[in-house]
Amino acid sequence: MSPSLTAADDIKQQLNLICAQLNVIQAKLELKPRLSSSPWLPLSEAAMALHFPSTRALRMAIDRGRIPPQFVSATTGDTGKRRTLYVDVEGFASHLRNK
């Protein structure tokens, strides 16, 4: 009877470990910002959403004026040297539909 108790204890221990790992994963997911609630996406995600072949192609389209400035936002980092570009994907898509 003692082997079945140790097997049951082993299963309980494994279940507790799995629950702890799931709690860690859930906590990480809650900390991660949800991009679906905001139409502003970083350049790499916006390139995929707008079907550009690469991030560089989207950046060139922005630099050449093919994407109007009201759909592009730039934020600087803590040092002030690096810019992060965000694109209003929903706004730009509706702009294209209304053209």
PDB file of N, CA and C in Angstrom:
ATOM      1  N   MET A   1       0.818  -1.192   0.000  1.00  0.00           N
ATOM      2  CA  MET A   1       0.000   0.000   0.000  1.00  0.00           C
ATOM      3  C   MET A   1       0.862   1.256   0.000  1.00  0.00           C
ATOM      4  N   SER A   2       2.020   1.157   0.566  1.00  0.00           N
ATOM      5  CA  SER A   2       2.893   2.326   0.608  1.00  0.00           C
ATOM      6  C   SER A   2       3.369   2.763  -0.780  1.00  0.00           C
ATOM      7  N   PRO A   3       3.591   1.819  -1.767  1.00  0.00           N
ATOM      8  CA  PRO A   3       3.975   2.301  -3.096  1.00  0.00           C
ATOM      9  C   PRO A   3       2.891   3.157  -3.744  1.00  0.00           C
ATOM     10  N   SER A   4       1.613   2.828  -3.520  1.00  0.00           N
ATOM     11  CA  SER A   4       0.548   3.641  -4.113  1.00  0.00           C
ATOM     12  C   SER A   4       0.485   5.020  -3.464  1.00  0.00           C
ATOM     13  N   LEU A   5       0.794   5.099  -2.178  1.00  0.00           N
ATOM     14  CA  LEU A   5       0.811   6.400  -1.511  1.00  0.00           C
ATOM     15  C   LEU A   5       1.933   7.268  -2.059  1.00  0.00           C
ATOM     16  N   THR A   6       3.085   6.687  -2.297  1.00  0.00           N
ATOM     17  CA  THR A   6       4.183   7.483  -2.840  1.00  0.00           C
ATOM     18  C   THR A   6       3.882   7.902  -4.272  1.00  0.00           C
ATOM     19  N   ALA A   7       3.217   7.038  -5.033  1.00  0.00           N
ATOM     20  CA  ALA A   7       2.838   7.415  -6.393  1.00  0.00           C
ATOM     21  C   ALA A   7       1.819   8.548  -6.364  1.00  0.00           C
ATOM     22  N   ALA A   8       0.878   8.473  -5.429  1.00  0.00           N
ATOM     23  CA  ALA A   8      -0.112   9.548  -5.305  1.00  0.00           C
ATOM     24  C   ALA A   8       0.555  10.841  -4.859  1.00  0.00           C
ATOM     25  N   ASP A   9       1.503  10.722  -3.936  1.00  0.00           N
ATOM     26  CA  ASP A   9       2.227  11.915  -3.498  1.00  0.00           C
ATOM     27  C   ASP A   9       3.051  12.504  -4.636  1.00  0.00           C
ATOM     28  N   ASP A  10       3.631  11.623  -5.443  1.00  0.00           N
ATOM     29  CA  ASP A  10       4.422  12.082  -6.584  1.00  0.00           C
ATOM     30  C   ASP A  10       3.538  12.822  -7.588  1.00  0.00           C
ATOM     31  N   ILE A  11       2.358  12.282  -7.832  1.00  0.00           N
ATOM     32  CA  ILE A  11       1.419  12.933  -8.754  1.00  0.00           C
ATOM     33  C   ILE A  11       0.972  14.278  -8.201  1.00  0.00           C
ATOM     34  N   LYS A  12       0.708  14.336  -6.897  1.00  0.00           N
ATOM     35  CA  LYS A  12       0.319  15.611  -6.273  1.00  0.00           C
ATOM     36  C   LYS A  12       1.425  16.646  -6.411  1.00  0.00           C
ATOM     37  N   GLN A  13       2.656  16.196  -6.209  1.00  0.00           N
ATOM     38  CA  GLN A  13       3.796  17.107  -6.308  1.00  0.00           C
ATOM     39  C   GLN A  13       3.943  17.627  -7.742  1.00  0.00           C
ATOM     40  N   GLN A  14       3.766  16.745  -8.717  1.00  0.00           N
ATOM     41  CA  GLN A  14       3.849  17.164 -10.115  1.00  0.00           C
ATOM     42  C   GLN A  14       2.726  18.137 -10.463  1.00  0.00           C
ATOM     43  N   LEU A  15       1.523  17.884  -9.968  1.00  0.00           N
ATOM     44  CA  LEU A  15       0.403  18.798 -10.221  1.00  0.00           C
ATOM     45  C   LEU A  15       0.649  20.164  -9.591  1.00  0.00           C
ATOM     46  N   ASN A  16       1.200  20.176  -8.386  1.00  0.00           N
ATOM     47  CA  ASN A  16       1.523  21.446  -7.737  1.00  0.00           C
ATOM     48  C   ASN A  16       2.576  22.214  -8.528  1.00  0.00           C
ATOM     49  N   LEU A  17       3.564  21.497  -9.072  1.00  0.00           N
ATOM     50  CA  LEU A  17       4.593  22.133  -9.885  1.00  0.00           C
ATOM     51  C   LEU A  17       3.996  22.715 -11.167  1.00  0.00           C
ATOM     52  N   ILE A  18       3.109  21.966 -11.794  1.00  0.00           N
ATOM     53  CA  ILE A  18       2.452  22.451 -13.012  1.00  0.00           C
ATOM     54  C   ILE A  18       1.599  23.678 -12.713  1.00  0.00           C
ATOM     55  N   CYS A  19       0.874  23.662 -11.606  1.00  0.00           N
ATOM     56  CA  CYS A  19       0.052  24.818 -11.222  1.00  0.00           C
ATOM     57  C   CYS A  19       0.917  26.044 -10.967  1.00  0.00           C
ATOM     58  N   ALA A  20       2.060  25.845 -10.328  1.00  0.00           N
ATOM     59  CA  ALA A  20       2.963  26.967 -10.067  1.00  0.00           C
ATOM     60  C   ALA A  20       3.497  27.545 -11.375  1.00  0.00           C
ATOM     61  N   GLN A  21       3.841  26.680 -12.329  1.00  0.00           N
ATOM     62  CA  GLN A  21       4.326  27.151 -13.625  1.00  0.00           C
ATOM     63  C   GLN A  21       3.227  27.889 -14.385  1.00  0.00           C
ATOM     64  N   LEU A  22       2.006  27.387 -14.311  1.00  0.00           N
ATOM     65  CA  LEU A  22       0.889  28.074 -14.964  1.00  0.00           C
ATOM     66  C   LEU A  22       0.638  29.444 -14.344  1.00  0.00           C
ATOM     67  N   ASN A  23       0.783  29.557 -13.040  1.00  0.00           N
ATOM     68  CA  ASN A  23       0.615  30.852 -12.380  1.00  0.00           C
ATOM     69  C   ASN A  23       1.679  31.841 -12.838  1.00  0.00           C
ATOM     70  N   VAL A  24       2.913  31.370 -13.018  1.00  0.00           N
ATOM     71  CA  VAL A  24       3.987  32.244 -13.505  1.00  0.00           C
ATOM     72  C   VAL A  24       3.683  32.707 -14.926  1.00  0.00           C
ATOM     73  N   ILE A  25       3.233  31.794 -15.768  1.00  0.00           N
ATOM     74  CA  ILE A  25       2.897  32.149 -17.153  1.00  0.00           C
ATOM     75  C   ILE A  25       1.739  33.137 -17.183  1.00  0.00           C
ATOM     76  N   GLN A  26       0.734  32.915 -16.361  1.00  0.00           N
ATOM     77  CA  GLN A  26      -0.416  33.821 -16.307  1.00  0.00           C
ATOM     78  C   GLN A  26       0.011  35.211 -15.857  1.00  0.00           C
ATOM     79  N   ALA A  27       0.903  35.280 -14.884  1.00  0.00           N
ATOM     80  CA  ALA A  27       1.388  36.575 -14.403  1.00  0.00           C
ATOM     81  C   ALA A  27       2.157  37.304 -15.495  1.00  0.00           C
ATOM     82  N   LYS A  28       2.947  36.577 -16.281  1.00  0.00           N
ATOM     83  CA  LYS A  28       3.682  37.203 -17.385  1.00  0.00           C
ATOM     84  C   LYS A  28       2.721  37.726 -18.442  1.00  0.00           C
ATOM     85  N   LEU A  29       1.673  36.973 -18.725  1.00  0.00           N
ATOM     86  CA  LEU A  29       0.699  37.411 -19.725  1.00  0.00           C
ATOM     87  C   LEU A  29      -0.050  38.652 -19.268  1.00  0.00           C
ATOM     88  N   GLU A  30      -0.319  38.770 -17.981  1.00  0.00           N
ATOM     89  CA  GLU A  30      -1.019  39.943 -17.469  1.00  0.00           C
ATOM     90  C   GLU A  30      -0.132  41.173 -17.515  1.00  0.00           C
ATOM     91  N   LEU A  31       1.180  41.003 -17.386  1.00  0.00           N
ATOM     92  CA  LEU A  31       2.100  42.135 -17.438  1.00  0.00           C
ATOM     93  C   LEU A  31       2.331  42.614 -18.864  1.00  0.00           C
ATOM     94  N   LYS A  32       2.191  41.709 -19.819  1.00  0.00           N
ATOM     95  CA  LYS A  32       2.442  42.048 -21.213  1.00  0.00           C
ATOM     96  C   LYS A  32       1.333  42.962 -21.726  1.00  0.00           C
ATOM     97  N   PRO A  33       1.691  44.097 -22.353  1.00  0.00           N
ATOM     98  CA  PRO A  33       0.645  44.981 -22.856  1.00  0.00           C
ATOM     99  C   PRO A  33      -0.111  44.334 -24.009  1.00  0.00           C
ATOM    100  N   ARG A  34      -1.383  44.559 -24.036  1.00  0.00           N
ATOM    101  CA  ARG A  34      -2.213  43.988 -25.101  1.00  0.00           C
ATOM    102  C   ARG A  34      -2.208  44.935 -26.284  1.00  0.00           C
ATOM    103  N   LEU A  35      -1.700  44.443 -27.396  1.00  0.00           N
ATOM    104  CA  LEU A  35      -1.586  45.279 -28.582  1.00  0.00           C
ATOM    105  C   LEU A  35      -2.913  45.404 -29.310  1.00  0.00           C
ATOM    106  N   SER A  36      -3.800  44.445 -29.118  1.00  0.00           N
ATOM    107  CA  SER A  36      -5.055  44.473 -29.853  1.00  0.00           C
ATOM    108  C   SER A  36      -5.947  45.629 -29.419  1.00  0.00           C
ATOM    109  N   SER A  37      -5.762  46.129 -28.190  1.00  0.00           N
ATOM    110  CA  SER A  37      -6.610  47.222 -27.728  1.00  0.00           C
ATOM    111  C   SER A  37      -6.142  48.563 -28.280  1.00  0.00           C
ATOM    112  N   SER A  38      -4.919  48.635 -28.763  1.00  0.00           N
ATOM    113  CA  SER A  38      -4.385  49.878 -29.291  1.00  0.00           C
ATOM    114  C   SER A  38      -4.103  49.713 -30.776  1.00  0.00           C
ATOM    115  N   PRO A  39      -4.493  50.701 -31.584  1.00  0.00           N
ATOM    116  CA  PRO A  39      -4.194  50.601 -33.012  1.00  0.00           C
ATOM    117  C   PRO A  39      -2.735  50.934 -33.314  1.00  0.00           C
ATOM    118  N   TRP A  40      -2.001  51.502 -32.351  1.00  0.00           N
ATOM    119  CA  TRP A  40      -0.607  51.887 -32.553  1.00  0.00           C
ATOM    120  C   TRP A  40       0.294  50.680 -32.323  1.00  0.00           C
ATOM    121  N   LEU A  41       0.951  50.235 -33.381  1.00  0.00           N
ATOM    122  CA  LEU A  41       1.833  49.078 -33.297  1.00  0.00           C
ATOM    123  C   LEU A  41       3.270  49.498 -33.572  1.00  0.00           C
ATOM    124  N   PRO A  42       4.238  48.815 -32.964  1.00  0.00           N
ATOM    125  CA  PRO A  42       5.638  49.073 -33.308  1.00  0.00           C
ATOM    126  C   PRO A  42       5.882  48.737 -34.773  1.00  0.00           C
ATOM    127  N   LEU A  43       6.954  49.271 -35.303  1.00  0.00           N
ATOM    128  CA  LEU A  43       7.239  49.160 -36.732  1.00  0.00           C
ATOM    129  C   LEU A  43       7.235  47.713 -37.228  1.00  0.00           C
ATOM    130  N   SER A  44       7.848  46.804 -36.494  1.00  0.00           N
ATOM    131  CA  SER A  44       7.942  45.420 -36.974  1.00  0.00           C
ATOM    132  C   SER A  44       6.571  44.750 -37.046  1.00  0.00           C
ATOM    133  N   GLU A  45       5.721  44.994 -36.047  1.00  0.00           N
ATOM    134  CA  GLU A  45       4.385  44.396 -36.061  1.00  0.00           C
ATOM    135  C   GLU A  45       3.485  45.091 -37.075  1.00  0.00           C
ATOM    136  N   ALA A  46       3.669  46.397 -37.244  1.00  0.00           N
ATOM    137  CA  ALA A  46       2.871  47.133 -38.225  1.00  0.00           C
ATOM    138  C   ALA A  46       3.209  46.680 -39.640  1.00  0.00           C
ATOM    139  N   ALA A  47       4.472  46.366 -39.884  1.00  0.00           N
ATOM    140  CA  ALA A  47       4.876  45.896 -41.213  1.00  0.00           C
ATOM    141  C   ALA A  47       4.160  44.599 -41.557  1.00  0.00           C
ATOM    142  N   MET A  48       4.062  43.698 -40.596  1.00  0.00           N
ATOM    143  CA  MET A  48       3.352  42.438 -40.846  1.00  0.00           C
ATOM    144  C   MET A  48       1.862  42.693 -41.030  1.00  0.00           C
ATOM    145  N   ALA A  49       1.285  43.559 -40.206  1.00  0.00           N
ATOM    146  CA  ALA A  49      -0.157  43.811 -40.272  1.00  0.00           C
ATOM    147  C   ALA A  49      -0.550  44.504 -41.571  1.00  0.00           C
ATOM    148  N   LEU A  50       0.334  45.357 -42.093  1.00  0.00           N
ATOM    149  CA  LEU A  50       0.033  46.092 -43.324  1.00  0.00           C
ATOM    150  C   LEU A  50       0.572  45.384 -44.567  1.00  0.00           C
ATOM    151  N   HIS A  51       1.068  44.171 -44.401  1.00  0.00           N
ATOM    152  CA  HIS A  51       1.550  43.319 -45.499  1.00  0.00           C
ATOM    153  C   HIS A  51       2.730  43.930 -46.240  1.00  0.00           C
ATOM    154  N   PHE A  52       3.635  44.579 -45.514  1.00  0.00           N
ATOM    155  CA  PHE A  52       4.891  45.017 -46.104  1.00  0.00           C
ATOM    156  C   PHE A  52       5.861  43.841 -46.041  1.00  0.00           C
ATOM    157  N   PRO A  53       6.754  43.720 -47.023  1.00  0.00           N
ATOM    158  CA  PRO A  53       7.663  42.572 -47.016  1.00  0.00           C
ATOM    159  C   PRO A  53       8.662  42.581 -45.858  1.00  0.00           C
ATOM    160  N   SER A  54       8.970  43.779 -45.339  1.00  0.00           N
ATOM    161  CA  SER A  54       9.921  43.859 -44.234  1.00  0.00           C
ATOM    162  C   SER A  54       9.707  45.156 -43.463  1.00  0.00           C
ATOM    163  N   THR A  55      10.345  45.226 -42.312  1.00  0.00           N
ATOM    164  CA  THR A  55      10.298  46.452 -41.515  1.00  0.00           C
ATOM    165  C   THR A  55      10.982  47.583 -42.263  1.00  0.00           C
ATOM    166  N   ARG A  56      12.062  47.252 -42.938  1.00  0.00           N
ATOM    167  CA  ARG A  56      12.800  48.263 -43.704  1.00  0.00           C
ATOM    168  C   ARG A  56      11.931  48.860 -44.809  1.00  0.00           C
ATOM    169  N   ALA A  57      11.117  48.040 -45.460  1.00  0.00           N
ATOM    170  CA  ALA A  57      10.236  48.542 -46.517  1.00  0.00           C
ATOM    171  C   ALA A  57       9.200  49.510 -45.948  1.00  0.00           C
ATOM    172  N   LEU A  58       8.660  49.202 -44.779  1.00  0.00           N
ATOM    173  CA  LEU A  58       7.709  50.114 -44.140  1.00  0.00           C
ATOM    174  C   LEU A  58       8.407  51.405 -43.742  1.00  0.00           C
ATOM    175  N   ARG A  59       9.620  51.310 -43.209  1.00  0.00           N
ATOM    176  CA  ARG A  59      10.380  52.502 -42.820  1.00  0.00           C
ATOM    177  C   ARG A  59      10.652  53.390 -44.038  1.00  0.00           C
ATOM    178  N   MET A  60      10.979  52.788 -45.176  1.00  0.00           N
ATOM    179  CA  MET A  60      11.214  53.565 -46.396  1.00  0.00           C
ATOM    180  C   MET A  60       9.924  54.226 -46.864  1.00  0.00           C
ATOM    181  N   ALA A  61       8.797  53.537 -46.733  1.00  0.00           N
ATOM    182  CA  ALA A  61       7.510  54.127 -47.119  1.00  0.00           C
ATOM    183  C   ALA A  61       7.190  55.329 -46.240  1.00  0.00           C
ATOM    184  N   ILE A  62       7.510  55.240 -44.955  1.00  0.00           N
ATOM    185  CA  ILE A  62       7.286  56.371 -44.049  1.00  0.00           C
ATOM    186  C   ILE A  62       8.200  57.524 -44.422  1.00  0.00           C
ATOM    187  N   ASP A  63       9.477  57.229 -44.653  1.00  0.00           N
ATOM    188  CA  ASP A  63      10.450  58.271 -44.988  1.00  0.00           C
ATOM    189  C   ASP A  63      10.131  58.952 -46.312  1.00  0.00           C
ATOM    190  N   ARG A  64       9.568  58.223 -47.250  1.00  0.00           N
ATOM    191  CA  ARG A  64       9.247  58.788 -48.566  1.00  0.00           C
ATOM    192  C   ARG A  64       7.879  59.449 -48.612  1.00  0.00           C
ATOM    193  N   GLY A  65       7.139  59.405 -47.503  1.00  0.00           N
ATOM    194  CA  GLY A  65       5.861  60.100 -47.435  1.00  0.00           C
ATOM    195  C   GLY A  65       4.675  59.320 -47.954  1.00  0.00           C
ATOM    196  N   ARG A  66       4.840  58.025 -48.200  1.00  0.00           N
ATOM    197  CA  ARG A  66       3.706  57.226 -48.669  1.00  0.00           C
ATOM    198  C   ARG A  66       2.704  56.955 -47.562  1.00  0.00           C
ATOM    199  N   ILE A  67       3.139  57.098 -46.321  1.00  0.00           N
ATOM    200  CA  ILE A  67       2.233  56.973 -45.179  1.00  0.00           C
ATOM    201  C   ILE A  67       2.148  58.349 -44.536  1.00  0.00           C
ATOM    202  N   PRO A  68       0.963  58.951 -44.490  1.00  0.00           N
ATOM    203  CA  PRO A  68       0.822  60.305 -43.941  1.00  0.00           C
ATOM    204  C   PRO A  68       1.297  60.390 -42.491  1.00  0.00           C
ATOM    205  N   PRO A  69       1.830  61.554 -42.105  1.00  0.00           N
ATOM    206  CA  PRO A  69       2.411  61.693 -40.762  1.00  0.00           C
ATOM    207  C   PRO A  69       1.417  61.536 -39.615  1.00  0.00           C
ATOM    208  N   GLN A  70       0.127  61.725 -39.857  1.00  0.00           N
ATOM    209  CA  GLN A  70      -0.834  61.563 -38.757  1.00  0.00           C
ATOM    210  C   GLN A  70      -0.958  60.104 -38.321  1.00  0.00           C
ATOM    211  N   PHE A  71      -0.432  59.176 -39.113  1.00  0.00           N
ATOM    212  CA  PHE A  71      -0.498  57.761 -38.766  1.00  0.00           C
ATOM    213  C   PHE A  71       0.825  57.228 -38.218  1.00  0.00           C
ATOM    214  N   VAL A  72       1.801  58.114 -38.017  1.00  0.00           N
ATOM    215  CA  VAL A  72       3.116  57.709 -37.527  1.00  0.00           C
ATOM    216  C   VAL A  72       3.448  58.512 -36.280  1.00  0.00           C
ATOM    217  N   SER A  73       3.925  57.836 -35.263  1.00  0.00           N
ATOM    218  CA  SER A  73       4.330  58.497 -34.025  1.00  0.00           C
ATOM    219  C   SER A  73       5.715  57.997 -33.646  1.00  0.00           C
ATOM    220  N   ALA A  74       6.583  58.912 -33.219  1.00  0.00           N
ATOM    221  CA  ALA A  74       7.936  58.537 -32.811  1.00  0.00           C
ATOM    222  C   ALA A  74       8.131  58.896 -31.345  1.00  0.00           C
ATOM    223  N   THR A  75       8.650  57.964 -30.596  1.00  0.00           N
ATOM    224  CA  THR A  75       8.989  58.230 -29.199  1.00  0.00           C
ATOM    225  C   THR A  75      10.473  57.981 -29.017  1.00  0.00           C
ATOM    226  N   THR A  76      11.100  58.771 -28.164  1.00  0.00           N
ATOM    227  CA  THR A  76      12.525  58.586 -27.903  1.00  0.00           C
ATOM    228  C   THR A  76      12.700  57.802 -26.615  1.00  0.00           C
ATOM    229  N   GLY A  77      13.814  57.119 -26.531  1.00  0.00           N
ATOM    230  CA  GLY A  77      14.106  56.325 -25.345  1.00  0.00           C
ATOM    231  C   GLY A  77      14.610  57.189 -24.206  1.00  0.00           C
ATOM    232  N   ASP A  78      15.096  56.551 -23.156  1.00  0.00           N
ATOM    233  CA  ASP A  78      15.582  57.264 -21.977  1.00  0.00           C
ATOM    234  C   ASP A  78      16.797  58.120 -22.295  1.00  0.00           C
ATOM    235  N   THR A  79      17.670  57.638 -23.171  1.00  0.00           N
ATOM    236  CA  THR A  79      18.879  58.395 -23.499  1.00  0.00           C
ATOM    237  C   THR A  79      18.596  59.506 -24.493  1.00  0.00           C
ATOM    238  N   GLY A  80      17.485  59.424 -25.186  1.00  0.00           N
ATOM    239  CA  GLY A  80      17.130  60.439 -26.166  1.00  0.00           C
ATOM    240  C   GLY A  80      17.743  60.208 -27.528  1.00  0.00           C
ATOM    241  N   LYS A  81      18.471  59.132 -27.708  1.00  0.00           N
ATOM    242  CA  LYS A  81      19.138  58.876 -28.984  1.00  0.00           C
ATOM    243  C   LYS A  81      18.325  57.964 -29.900  1.00  0.00           C
ATOM    244  N   ARG A  82      17.684  56.968 -29.329  1.00  0.00           N
ATOM    245  CA  ARG A  82      16.983  55.986 -30.155  1.00  0.00           C
ATOM    246  C   ARG A  82      15.511  56.339 -30.263  1.00  0.00           C
ATOM    247  N   ARG A  83      15.011  56.333 -31.496  1.00  0.00           N
ATOM    248  CA  ARG A  83      13.591  56.582 -31.728  1.00  0.00           C
ATOM    249  C   ARG A  83      12.881  55.268 -31.983  1.00  0.00           C
ATOM    250  N   THR A  84      11.710  55.152 -31.416  1.00  0.00           N
ATOM    251  CA  THR A  84      10.856  54.009 -31.700  1.00  0.00           C
ATOM    252  C   THR A  84       9.650  54.532 -32.460  1.00  0.00           C
ATOM    253  N   LEU A  85       9.411  53.953 -33.624  1.00  0.00           N
ATOM    254  CA  LEU A  85       8.285  54.387 -34.446  1.00  0.00           C
ATOM    255  C   LEU A  85       7.085  53.491 -34.205  1.00  0.00           C
ATOM    256  N   TYR A  86       5.930  54.117 -34.122  1.00  0.00           N
ATOM    257  CA  TYR A  86       4.659  53.412 -33.998  1.00  0.00           C
ATOM    258  C   TYR A  86       3.763  53.853 -35.143  1.00  0.00           C
ATOM    259  N   VAL A  87       2.990  52.916 -35.661  1.00  0.00           N
ATOM    260  CA  VAL A  87       2.105  53.199 -36.790  1.00  0.00           C
ATOM    261  C   VAL A  87       0.673  52.891 -36.367  1.00  0.00           C
ATOM    262  N   ASP A  88      -0.234  53.827 -36.657  1.00  0.00           N
ATOM    263  CA  ASP A  88      -1.665  53.623 -36.400  1.00  0.00           C
ATOM    264  C   ASP A  88      -2.210  52.763 -37.537  1.00  0.00           C
ATOM    265  N   VAL A  89      -2.197  51.466 -37.322  1.00  0.00           N
ATOM    266  CA  VAL A  89      -2.552  50.517 -38.378  1.00  0.00           C
ATOM    267  C   VAL A  89      -4.019  50.642 -38.762  1.00  0.00           C
ATOM    268  N   GLU A  90      -4.901  50.732 -37.771  1.00  0.00           N
ATOM    269  CA  GLU A  90      -6.336  50.824 -38.071  1.00  0.00           C
ATOM    270  C   GLU A  90      -6.660  52.121 -38.800  1.00  0.00           C
ATOM    271  N   GLY A  91      -6.069  53.216 -38.358  1.00  0.00           N
ATOM    272  CA  GLY A  91      -6.320  54.502 -39.008  1.00  0.00           C
ATOM    273  C   GLY A  91      -5.818  54.520 -40.435  1.00  0.00           C
ATOM    274  N   PHE A  92      -4.625  53.967 -40.661  1.00  0.00           N
ATOM    275  CA  PHE A  92      -4.070  53.949 -42.009  1.00  0.00           C
ATOM    276  C   PHE A  92      -4.870  53.023 -42.915  1.00  0.00           C
ATOM    277  N   ALA A  93      -5.327  51.896 -42.383  1.00  0.00           N
ATOM    278  CA  ALA A  93      -6.132  50.973 -43.192  1.00  0.00           C
ATOM    279  C   ALA A  93      -7.453  51.619 -43.598  1.00  0.00           C
ATOM    280  N   SER A  94      -8.100  52.335 -42.678  1.00  0.00           N
ATOM    281  CA  SER A  94      -9.358  53.002 -43.040  1.00  0.00           C
ATOM    282  C   SER A  94      -9.095  54.151 -44.001  1.00  0.00           C
ATOM    283  N   HIS A  95      -7.939  54.794 -43.881  1.00  0.00           N
ATOM    284  CA  HIS A  95      -7.553  55.856 -44.818  1.00  0.00           C
ATOM    285  C   HIS A  95      -7.424  55.283 -46.231  1.00  0.00           C
ATOM    286  N   LEU A  96      -6.831  54.097 -46.335  1.00  0.00           N
ATOM    287  CA  LEU A  96      -6.690  53.465 -47.647  1.00  0.00           C
ATOM    288  C   LEU A  96      -8.045  53.055 -48.218  1.00  0.00           C
ATOM    289  N   ARG A  97      -8.948  52.587 -47.353  1.00  0.00           N
ATOM    290  CA  ARG A  97     -10.277  52.186 -47.835  1.00  0.00           C
ATOM    291  C   ARG A  97     -11.069  53.386 -48.337  1.00  0.00           C
ATOM    292  N   ASN A  98     -10.868  54.547 -47.724  1.00  0.00           N
ATOM    293  CA  ASN A  98     -11.638  55.732 -48.093  1.00  0.00           C
ATOM    294  C   ASN A  98     -11.042  56.493 -49.266  1.00  0.00           C
ATOM    295  N   LYS A  99      -9.889  56.079 -49.740  1.00  0.00           N
ATOM    296  CA  LYS A  99      -9.263  56.773 -50.874  1.00  0.00           C
ATOM    297  C   LYS A  99     -10.018  56.524 -52.147  1.00  0.00           C
TER     298      LYS A  99
END
